[in-house]
Amino acid sequence: MPVLKATRSHLEMYRSSMEERGLAASTIDRRLSTACGFYRFAHIDGRITSNPAQYVRRPTVHPTEQRGLDRGELGRFLFIAERFDHAHAALAVLLGLNGLRVSEACATNIEDMAFEGGHRVLRIVGCASWARATSPP
């Protein structure tokens, strides 16, 4: 079906299908959030007459279902990595301070290093776009 022809019932069925597949509430909420944003802007831009996602029921996501480290956990992670050696510290900085996935950090190459504006930079292919991360001193 054309994406701009979707109705609230289609989005509710999408939510139900994700629940039946056993996806986590946080995953379902994140995916519905993306759809809701898409339809909100389509409505604002006049592409559709009404927003079908406006009243779609979203799962309750509990605060215990965090996706990342809090400030204290990140600090401990960086501290421990630094105690091992420079390679561990550099990887920890790439992961923690730049929000990289392990696969993104592992896919980097020395050829991706460059100097820009007097700084060492590393070009990284992220999930959605190119990201620049300043290398550690």
C-alpha atoms as a PDB file:
ATOM      1  CA  MET A   1       0.000   0.000   0.000  1.00  0.00           C
ATOM      2  CA  PRO A   2       1.235   3.539  -0.603  1.00  0.00           C
ATOM      3  CA  VAL A   3       2.772   4.884   2.603  1.00  0.00           C
ATOM      4  CA  LEU A   4       0.740   8.110   2.525  1.00  0.00           C
ATOM      5  CA  LYS A   5      -2.516   6.117   2.335  1.00  0.00           C
ATOM      6  CA  ALA A   6      -2.018   4.432   5.718  1.00  0.00           C
ATOM      7  CA  THR A   7      -4.699   4.812   8.366  1.00  0.00           C
ATOM      8  CA  ARG A   8      -4.564   4.567  12.155  1.00  0.00           C
ATOM      9  CA  SER A   9      -5.786   0.971  11.947  1.00  0.00           C
ATOM     10  CA  HIS A  10      -2.836   0.085   9.696  1.00  0.00           C
ATOM     11  CA  LEU A  11      -0.439   1.539  12.243  1.00  0.00           C
ATOM     12  CA  GLU A  12      -2.213  -0.304  15.075  1.00  0.00           C
ATOM     13  CA  MET A  13      -1.826  -3.557  13.102  1.00  0.00           C
ATOM     14  CA  TYR A  14       1.860  -2.732  12.621  1.00  0.00           C
ATOM     15  CA  ARG A  15       2.214  -2.291  16.404  1.00  0.00           C
ATOM     16  CA  SER A  16       0.363  -5.559  17.049  1.00  0.00           C
ATOM     17  CA  SER A  17       2.540  -7.467  14.595  1.00  0.00           C
ATOM     18  CA  MET A  18       5.672  -6.235  16.354  1.00  0.00           C
ATOM     19  CA  GLU A  19       4.227  -7.304  19.725  1.00  0.00           C
ATOM     20  CA  GLU A  20       3.373 -10.757  18.327  1.00  0.00           C
ATOM     21  CA  ARG A  21       6.950 -11.148  17.078  1.00  0.00           C
ATOM     22  CA  GLY A  22       8.109 -10.553  20.655  1.00  0.00           C
ATOM     23  CA  LEU A  23       9.981  -7.296  20.085  1.00  0.00           C
ATOM     24  CA  ALA A  24      10.901  -5.299  23.169  1.00  0.00           C
ATOM     25  CA  ALA A  25       8.598  -2.445  24.170  1.00  0.00           C
ATOM     26  CA  SER A  26      11.464   0.018  23.686  1.00  0.00           C
ATOM     27  CA  THR A  27      12.007  -1.218  20.116  1.00  0.00           C
ATOM     28  CA  ILE A  28       8.314  -0.948  19.289  1.00  0.00           C
ATOM     29  CA  ASP A  29       8.137   2.527  20.815  1.00  0.00           C
ATOM     30  CA  ARG A  30      11.186   3.676  18.844  1.00  0.00           C
ATOM     31  CA  ARG A  31       9.765   2.387  15.556  1.00  0.00           C
ATOM     32  CA  LEU A  32       6.365   3.931  16.219  1.00  0.00           C
ATOM     33  CA  SER A  33       8.047   7.192  17.158  1.00  0.00           C
ATOM     34  CA  THR A  34       9.706   7.259  13.740  1.00  0.00           C
ATOM     35  CA  ALA A  35       6.397   6.586  11.986  1.00  0.00           C
ATOM     36  CA  CYS A  36       4.627   9.227  14.095  1.00  0.00           C
ATOM     37  CA  GLY A  37       7.248  11.817  13.200  1.00  0.00           C
ATOM     38  CA  PHE A  38       6.985  10.960   9.512  1.00  0.00           C
ATOM     39  CA  TYR A  39       3.196  11.317   9.462  1.00  0.00           C
ATOM     40  CA  ARG A  40       3.288  14.463  11.609  1.00  0.00           C
ATOM     41  CA  PHE A  41       5.529  16.210   9.081  1.00  0.00           C
ATOM     42  CA  ALA A  42       3.564  14.828   6.134  1.00  0.00           C
ATOM     43  CA  HIS A  43       0.450  16.398   7.680  1.00  0.00           C
ATOM     44  CA  ILE A  44       2.213  19.697   8.440  1.00  0.00           C
ATOM     45  CA  ASP A  45       3.548  19.836   4.871  1.00  0.00           C
ATOM     46  CA  GLY A  46       0.088  19.184   3.441  1.00  0.00           C
ATOM     47  CA  ARG A  47       0.928  15.784   1.933  1.00  0.00           C
ATOM     48  CA  ILE A  48      -1.947  14.170   3.885  1.00  0.00           C
ATOM     49  CA  THR A  49      -5.170  15.642   5.227  1.00  0.00           C
ATOM     50  CA  SER A  50      -4.891  14.136   8.711  1.00  0.00           C
ATOM     51  CA  ASN A  51      -2.219  12.441  10.810  1.00  0.00           C
ATOM     52  CA  PRO A  52      -3.043   8.707  11.101  1.00  0.00           C
ATOM     53  CA  ALA A  53      -0.375   8.217  13.778  1.00  0.00           C
ATOM     54  CA  GLN A  54      -1.632  10.889  16.149  1.00  0.00           C
ATOM     55  CA  TYR A  55      -3.593   8.540  18.422  1.00  0.00           C
ATOM     56  CA  VAL A  56      -1.757   5.248  17.864  1.00  0.00           C
ATOM     57  CA  ARG A  57      -1.319   3.443  21.176  1.00  0.00           C
ATOM     58  CA  ARG A  58       2.325   3.173  22.165  1.00  0.00           C
ATOM     59  CA  PRO A  59       3.775   0.620  24.609  1.00  0.00           C
ATOM     60  CA  THR A  60       4.876   1.689  28.049  1.00  0.00           C
ATOM     61  CA  VAL A  61       8.653   1.796  28.220  1.00  0.00           C
ATOM     62  CA  HIS A  62      10.025   1.472  31.722  1.00  0.00           C
ATOM     63  CA  PRO A  63      13.044   3.554  32.740  1.00  0.00           C
ATOM     64  CA  THR A  64      14.938   0.354  33.524  1.00  0.00           C
ATOM     65  CA  GLU A  65      15.083  -0.387  29.804  1.00  0.00           C
ATOM     66  CA  GLN A  66      17.933   2.074  29.202  1.00  0.00           C
ATOM     67  CA  ARG A  67      19.748   1.981  25.911  1.00  0.00           C
ATOM     68  CA  GLY A  68      23.086   3.360  27.029  1.00  0.00           C
ATOM     69  CA  LEU A  69      25.375   4.131  29.917  1.00  0.00           C
ATOM     70  CA  ASP A  70      24.658   6.921  32.365  1.00  0.00           C
ATOM     71  CA  ARG A  71      27.351   9.536  33.081  1.00  0.00           C
ATOM     72  CA  GLY A  72      28.858   7.600  36.003  1.00  0.00           C
ATOM     73  CA  GLU A  73      28.951   4.300  34.121  1.00  0.00           C
ATOM     74  CA  LEU A  74      30.608   5.971  31.132  1.00  0.00           C
ATOM     75  CA  GLY A  75      33.210   7.563  33.399  1.00  0.00           C
ATOM     76  CA  ARG A  76      34.067   4.194  34.969  1.00  0.00           C
ATOM     77  CA  PHE A  77      34.195   2.567  31.513  1.00  0.00           C
ATOM     78  CA  LEU A  78      36.664   5.200  30.228  1.00  0.00           C
ATOM     79  CA  PHE A  79      38.757   5.044  33.431  1.00  0.00           C
ATOM     80  CA  ILE A  80      39.118   1.259  33.324  1.00  0.00           C
ATOM     81  CA  ALA A  81      39.908   1.258  29.594  1.00  0.00           C
ATOM     82  CA  GLU A  82      42.634   3.849  30.160  1.00  0.00           C
ATOM     83  CA  ARG A  83      44.227   1.649  32.832  1.00  0.00           C
ATOM     84  CA  PHE A  84      44.732  -1.151  30.266  1.00  0.00           C
ATOM     85  CA  ASP A  85      46.548   0.707  27.490  1.00  0.00           C
ATOM     86  CA  HIS A  86      46.192   3.413  24.842  1.00  0.00           C
ATOM     87  CA  ALA A  87      44.430   1.127  22.367  1.00  0.00           C
ATOM     88  CA  HIS A  88      41.707   0.245  24.871  1.00  0.00           C
ATOM     89  CA  ALA A  89      41.343   3.905  25.830  1.00  0.00           C
ATOM     90  CA  ALA A  90      41.017   4.983  22.185  1.00  0.00           C
ATOM     91  CA  LEU A  91      38.353   2.351  21.523  1.00  0.00           C
ATOM     92  CA  ALA A  92      36.459   3.338  24.669  1.00  0.00           C
ATOM     93  CA  VAL A  93      36.480   6.993  23.596  1.00  0.00           C
ATOM     94  CA  LEU A  94      35.225   6.078  20.117  1.00  0.00           C
ATOM     95  CA  LEU A  95      32.430   3.967  21.552  1.00  0.00           C
ATOM     96  CA  GLY A  96      31.443   6.024  24.559  1.00  0.00           C
ATOM     97  CA  LEU A  97      31.956   9.651  23.623  1.00  0.00           C
ATOM     98  CA  ASN A  98      30.832   9.333  20.022  1.00  0.00           C
ATOM     99  CA  GLY A  99      27.996   6.870  20.541  1.00  0.00           C
ATOM    100  CA  LEU A 100      29.382   4.338  18.091  1.00  0.00           C
ATOM    101  CA  ARG A 101      28.313   0.766  17.751  1.00  0.00           C
ATOM    102  CA  VAL A 102      31.062  -1.833  18.053  1.00  0.00           C
ATOM    103  CA  SER A 103      30.656  -2.741  14.369  1.00  0.00           C
ATOM    104  CA  GLU A 104      31.134   0.920  13.379  1.00  0.00           C
ATOM    105  CA  ALA A 105      34.298   1.239  15.447  1.00  0.00           C
ATOM    106  CA  CYS A 106      35.673  -2.058  14.093  1.00  0.00           C
ATOM    107  CA  ALA A 107      35.014  -0.965  10.502  1.00  0.00           C
ATOM    108  CA  THR A 108      37.341   2.044  10.778  1.00  0.00           C
ATOM    109  CA  ASN A 109      40.615   2.059   8.858  1.00  0.00           C
ATOM    110  CA  ILE A 110      43.810   4.051   9.239  1.00  0.00           C
ATOM    111  CA  GLU A 111      43.100   5.477   5.776  1.00  0.00           C
ATOM    112  CA  ASP A 112      40.050   7.186   7.327  1.00  0.00           C
ATOM    113  CA  MET A 113      42.314   9.361   9.507  1.00  0.00           C
ATOM    114  CA  ALA A 114      42.897  12.932   8.335  1.00  0.00           C
ATOM    115  CA  PHE A 115      43.836  16.405   9.523  1.00  0.00           C
ATOM    116  CA  GLU A 116      41.175  19.101   9.311  1.00  0.00           C
ATOM    117  CA  GLY A 117      41.555  22.528  10.830  1.00  0.00           C
ATOM    118  CA  GLY A 118      44.630  21.401  12.766  1.00  0.00           C
ATOM    119  CA  HIS A 119      42.820  18.465  14.386  1.00  0.00           C
ATOM    120  CA  ARG A 120      43.146  14.760  13.825  1.00  0.00           C
ATOM    121  CA  VAL A 121      39.776  13.425  12.669  1.00  0.00           C
ATOM    122  CA  LEU A 122      38.468   9.992  11.871  1.00  0.00           C
ATOM    123  CA  ARG A 123      35.710   9.554   9.314  1.00  0.00           C
ATOM    124  CA  ILE A 124      33.255   6.917  10.442  1.00  0.00           C
ATOM    125  CA  VAL A 125      30.300   5.456   8.581  1.00  0.00           C
ATOM    126  CA  GLY A 126      27.530   5.534  11.159  1.00  0.00           C
ATOM    127  CA  CYS A 127      24.058   4.082  11.131  1.00  0.00           C
ATOM    128  CA  ALA A 128      22.410   7.021   9.361  1.00  0.00           C
ATOM    129  CA  SER A 129      25.189   9.233   8.016  1.00  0.00           C
ATOM    130  CA  TRP A 130      28.860  10.163   8.152  1.00  0.00           C
ATOM    131  CA  ALA A 131      30.035  11.236  11.573  1.00  0.00           C
ATOM    132  CA  ARG A 132      33.269  12.935  12.509  1.00  0.00           C
ATOM    133  CA  ALA A 133      34.987  12.022  15.713  1.00  0.00           C
ATOM    134  CA  THR A 134      37.997  13.899  16.979  1.00  0.00           C
ATOM    135  CA  SER A 135      40.682  11.449  17.947  1.00  0.00           C
ATOM    136  CA  PRO A 136      41.981  11.416  21.519  1.00  0.00           C
ATOM    137  CA  PRO A 137      45.155  13.446  22.207  1.00  0.00           C
END
